[in-house]
Amino acid sequence: MTISQKELKKSKDLVEKLLKVNGNKYNDWLHQQHQEFIEENQDLILQALSAFTGQEEEEEEKSEPKVAEQVSVRPQSIPVTQN
Protein backbone atom coordinates (compact mmCIF):
# COMPACT_ATOMS: atom_id res chain seq x y z
CA MET A 1 0.00 0.00 0.00
CA THR A 2 1.47 3.32 -1.06
CA ILE A 3 0.66 6.39 0.98
CA SER A 4 0.61 9.76 -0.74
CA GLN A 5 2.45 12.73 0.72
CA LYS A 6 -0.89 14.45 1.24
CA GLU A 7 -2.25 11.52 3.31
CA LEU A 8 0.98 11.30 5.28
CA LYS A 9 0.93 15.01 6.11
CA LYS A 10 -2.71 14.84 7.14
CA SER A 11 -2.01 11.92 9.52
CA LYS A 12 1.08 13.60 10.94
CA ASP A 13 -0.76 16.87 11.56
CA LEU A 14 -3.57 15.04 13.36
CA VAL A 15 -1.15 13.07 15.54
CA GLU A 16 0.79 16.24 16.37
CA LYS A 17 -2.40 18.00 17.46
CA LEU A 18 -3.58 15.04 19.56
CA LEU A 19 -0.19 14.77 21.25
CA LYS A 20 -0.14 18.51 21.94
CA VAL A 21 -3.57 18.31 23.60
CA ASN A 22 -2.14 15.59 25.86
CA GLY A 23 0.98 17.66 26.61
CA ASN A 24 3.35 15.57 24.52
CA LYS A 25 5.73 16.54 21.72
CA TYR A 26 5.63 14.83 18.32
CA ASN A 27 9.40 14.27 18.12
CA ASP A 28 9.47 12.68 21.58
CA TRP A 29 6.59 10.38 20.60
CA LEU A 30 8.23 9.53 17.26
CA HIS A 31 11.52 8.71 18.99
CA GLN A 32 9.64 6.41 21.38
CA GLN A 33 8.03 4.66 18.41
CA HIS A 34 11.46 4.12 16.85
CA GLN A 35 12.84 2.72 20.11
CA GLU A 36 9.91 0.30 20.45
CA PHE A 37 10.34 -0.89 16.87
CA ILE A 38 14.05 -1.49 17.42
CA GLU A 39 13.35 -3.43 20.62
CA GLU A 40 10.69 -5.54 18.88
CA ASN A 41 13.20 -6.41 16.15
CA GLN A 42 16.20 -6.91 18.40
CA ASP A 43 16.53 -10.59 17.47
CA LEU A 44 16.72 -9.74 13.78
CA ILE A 45 19.29 -7.03 14.47
CA LEU A 46 21.46 -9.41 16.50
CA GLN A 47 21.23 -12.09 13.78
CA ALA A 48 22.32 -9.59 11.16
CA LEU A 49 25.21 -8.37 13.30
CA SER A 50 26.30 -11.94 14.01
CA ALA A 51 26.24 -12.76 10.31
CA PHE A 52 28.20 -9.60 9.54
CA THR A 53 30.84 -10.20 12.20
CA GLY A 54 31.11 -13.84 11.14
CA GLN A 55 31.98 -12.71 7.63
CA GLU A 56 34.55 -10.27 8.99
CA GLU A 57 36.24 -13.02 11.00
CA GLU A 58 36.49 -15.21 7.90
CA GLU A 59 38.02 -12.32 5.93
CA GLU A 60 40.53 -11.63 8.71
CA GLU A 61 41.56 -15.29 8.80
CA LYS A 62 42.15 -15.24 5.04
CA SER A 63 44.24 -12.07 5.22
CA GLU A 64 46.45 -13.15 8.14
CA PRO A 65 49.88 -14.43 7.05
CA LYS A 66 50.54 -18.11 7.60
CA VAL A 67 53.13 -19.19 10.16
CA ALA A 68 55.72 -19.84 7.43
CA GLU A 69 55.13 -16.37 5.99
CA GLN A 70 55.48 -14.51 9.28
CA VAL A 71 58.64 -12.50 9.84
CA SER A 72 60.41 -13.14 13.09
CA VAL A 73 61.74 -10.18 15.02
CA ARG A 74 64.48 -10.68 17.59
CA PRO A 75 64.56 -8.33 20.52
CA GLN A 76 67.71 -6.26 20.72
CA SER A 77 69.70 -6.28 23.89
CA ILE A 78 69.78 -3.06 25.82
CA PRO A 79 73.09 -2.20 27.52
CA VAL A 80 72.83 -1.89 31.26
CA THR A 81 74.74 0.94 32.86
CA GLN A 82 75.70 1.09 36.48
CA ASN A 83 75.52 4.30 38.49
C-alpha atoms as a PDB file:
ATOM      1  CA  MET A   1       0.000   0.000   0.000  1.00  0.00           C
ATOM      2  CA  THR A   2       1.474   3.322  -1.059  1.00  0.00           C
ATOM      3  CA  ILE A   3       0.665   6.392   0.979  1.00  0.00           C
ATOM      4  CA  SER A   4       0.613   9.762  -0.744  1.00  0.00           C
ATOM      5  CA  GLN A   5       2.450  12.730   0.721  1.00  0.00           C
ATOM      6  CA  LYS A   6      -0.895  14.447   1.238  1.00  0.00           C
ATOM      7  CA  GLU A   7      -2.247  11.524   3.309  1.00  0.00           C
ATOM      8  CA  LEU A   8       0.980  11.302   5.276  1.00  0.00           C
ATOM      9  CA  LYS A   9       0.929  15.012   6.109  1.00  0.00           C
ATOM     10  CA  LYS A  10      -2.714  14.836   7.139  1.00  0.00           C
ATOM     11  CA  SER A  11      -2.012  11.922   9.517  1.00  0.00           C
ATOM     12  CA  LYS A  12       1.077  13.596  10.936  1.00  0.00           C
ATOM     13  CA  ASP A  13      -0.764  16.869  11.558  1.00  0.00           C
ATOM     14  CA  LEU A  14      -3.567  15.038  13.355  1.00  0.00           C
ATOM     15  CA  VAL A  15      -1.152  13.067  15.539  1.00  0.00           C
ATOM     16  CA  GLU A  16       0.793  16.244  16.365  1.00  0.00           C
ATOM     17  CA  LYS A  17      -2.397  17.997  17.461  1.00  0.00           C
ATOM     18  CA  LEU A  18      -3.575  15.044  19.558  1.00  0.00           C
ATOM     19  CA  LEU A  19      -0.194  14.773  21.248  1.00  0.00           C
ATOM     20  CA  LYS A  20      -0.136  18.513  21.939  1.00  0.00           C
ATOM     21  CA  VAL A  21      -3.568  18.306  23.595  1.00  0.00           C
ATOM     22  CA  ASN A  22      -2.143  15.587  25.861  1.00  0.00           C
ATOM     23  CA  GLY A  23       0.978  17.665  26.615  1.00  0.00           C
ATOM     24  CA  ASN A  24       3.346  15.573  24.518  1.00  0.00           C
ATOM     25  CA  LYS A  25       5.730  16.536  21.715  1.00  0.00           C
ATOM     26  CA  TYR A  26       5.625  14.831  18.325  1.00  0.00           C
ATOM     27  CA  ASN A  27       9.399  14.270  18.122  1.00  0.00           C
ATOM     28  CA  ASP A  28       9.467  12.683  21.581  1.00  0.00           C
ATOM     29  CA  TRP A  29       6.593  10.378  20.595  1.00  0.00           C
ATOM     30  CA  LEU A  30       8.233   9.531  17.263  1.00  0.00           C
ATOM     31  CA  HIS A  31      11.522   8.711  18.992  1.00  0.00           C
ATOM     32  CA  GLN A  32       9.644   6.412  21.383  1.00  0.00           C
ATOM     33  CA  GLN A  33       8.027   4.660  18.406  1.00  0.00           C
ATOM     34  CA  HIS A  34      11.457   4.120  16.852  1.00  0.00           C
ATOM     35  CA  GLN A  35      12.835   2.719  20.108  1.00  0.00           C
ATOM     36  CA  GLU A  36       9.914   0.295  20.450  1.00  0.00           C
ATOM     37  CA  PHE A  37      10.336  -0.893  16.865  1.00  0.00           C
ATOM     38  CA  ILE A  38      14.052  -1.486  17.423  1.00  0.00           C
ATOM     39  CA  GLU A  39      13.345  -3.431  20.624  1.00  0.00           C
ATOM     40  CA  GLU A  40      10.685  -5.538  18.880  1.00  0.00           C
ATOM     41  CA  ASN A  41      13.198  -6.410  16.147  1.00  0.00           C
ATOM     42  CA  GLN A  42      16.203  -6.906  18.398  1.00  0.00           C
ATOM     43  CA  ASP A  43      16.531 -10.594  17.468  1.00  0.00           C
ATOM     44  CA  LEU A  44      16.720  -9.737  13.778  1.00  0.00           C
ATOM     45  CA  ILE A  45      19.293  -7.026  14.468  1.00  0.00           C
ATOM     46  CA  LEU A  46      21.455  -9.411  16.497  1.00  0.00           C
ATOM     47  CA  GLN A  47      21.235 -12.088  13.785  1.00  0.00           C
ATOM     48  CA  ALA A  48      22.321  -9.587  11.160  1.00  0.00           C
ATOM     49  CA  LEU A  49      25.211  -8.370  13.302  1.00  0.00           C
ATOM     50  CA  SER A  50      26.301 -11.936  14.007  1.00  0.00           C
ATOM     51  CA  ALA A  51      26.243 -12.765  10.305  1.00  0.00           C
ATOM     52  CA  PHE A  52      28.196  -9.597   9.539  1.00  0.00           C
ATOM     53  CA  THR A  53      30.844 -10.198  12.199  1.00  0.00           C
ATOM     54  CA  GLY A  54      31.110 -13.843  11.142  1.00  0.00           C
ATOM     55  CA  GLN A  55      31.982 -12.714   7.632  1.00  0.00           C
ATOM     56  CA  GLU A  56      34.551 -10.268   8.991  1.00  0.00           C
ATOM     57  CA  GLU A  57      36.239 -13.022  11.000  1.00  0.00           C
ATOM     58  CA  GLU A  58      36.492 -15.212   7.897  1.00  0.00           C
ATOM     59  CA  GLU A  59      38.018 -12.324   5.926  1.00  0.00           C
ATOM     60  CA  GLU A  60      40.532 -11.632   8.715  1.00  0.00           C
ATOM     61  CA  GLU A  61      41.559 -15.291   8.798  1.00  0.00           C
ATOM     62  CA  LYS A  62      42.151 -15.245   5.038  1.00  0.00           C
ATOM     63  CA  SER A  63      44.242 -12.067   5.218  1.00  0.00           C
ATOM     64  CA  GLU A  64      46.453 -13.152   8.138  1.00  0.00           C
ATOM     65  CA  PRO A  65      49.876 -14.433   7.048  1.00  0.00           C
ATOM     66  CA  LYS A  66      50.535 -18.112   7.602  1.00  0.00           C
ATOM     67  CA  VAL A  67      53.133 -19.195  10.160  1.00  0.00           C
ATOM     68  CA  ALA A  68      55.724 -19.837   7.430  1.00  0.00           C
ATOM     69  CA  GLU A  69      55.130 -16.367   5.995  1.00  0.00           C
ATOM     70  CA  GLN A  70      55.475 -14.510   9.282  1.00  0.00           C
ATOM     71  CA  VAL A  71      58.639 -12.504   9.842  1.00  0.00           C
ATOM     72  CA  SER A  72      60.413 -13.138  13.093  1.00  0.00           C
ATOM     73  CA  VAL A  73      61.744 -10.181  15.018  1.00  0.00           C
ATOM     74  CA  ARG A  74      64.479 -10.682  17.586  1.00  0.00           C
ATOM     75  CA  PRO A  75      64.563  -8.332  20.519  1.00  0.00           C
ATOM     76  CA  GLN A  76      67.712  -6.255  20.720  1.00  0.00           C
ATOM     77  CA  SER A  77      69.703  -6.283  23.893  1.00  0.00           C
ATOM     78  CA  ILE A  78      69.777  -3.058  25.819  1.00  0.00           C
ATOM     79  CA  PRO A  79      73.085  -2.196  27.517  1.00  0.00           C
ATOM     80  CA  VAL A  80      72.834  -1.887  31.256  1.00  0.00           C
ATOM     81  CA  THR A  81      74.740   0.944  32.861  1.00  0.00           C
ATOM     82  CA  GLN A  82      75.704   1.085  36.483  1.00  0.00           C
ATOM     83  CA  ASN A  83      75.515   4.301  38.488  1.00  0.00           C
END
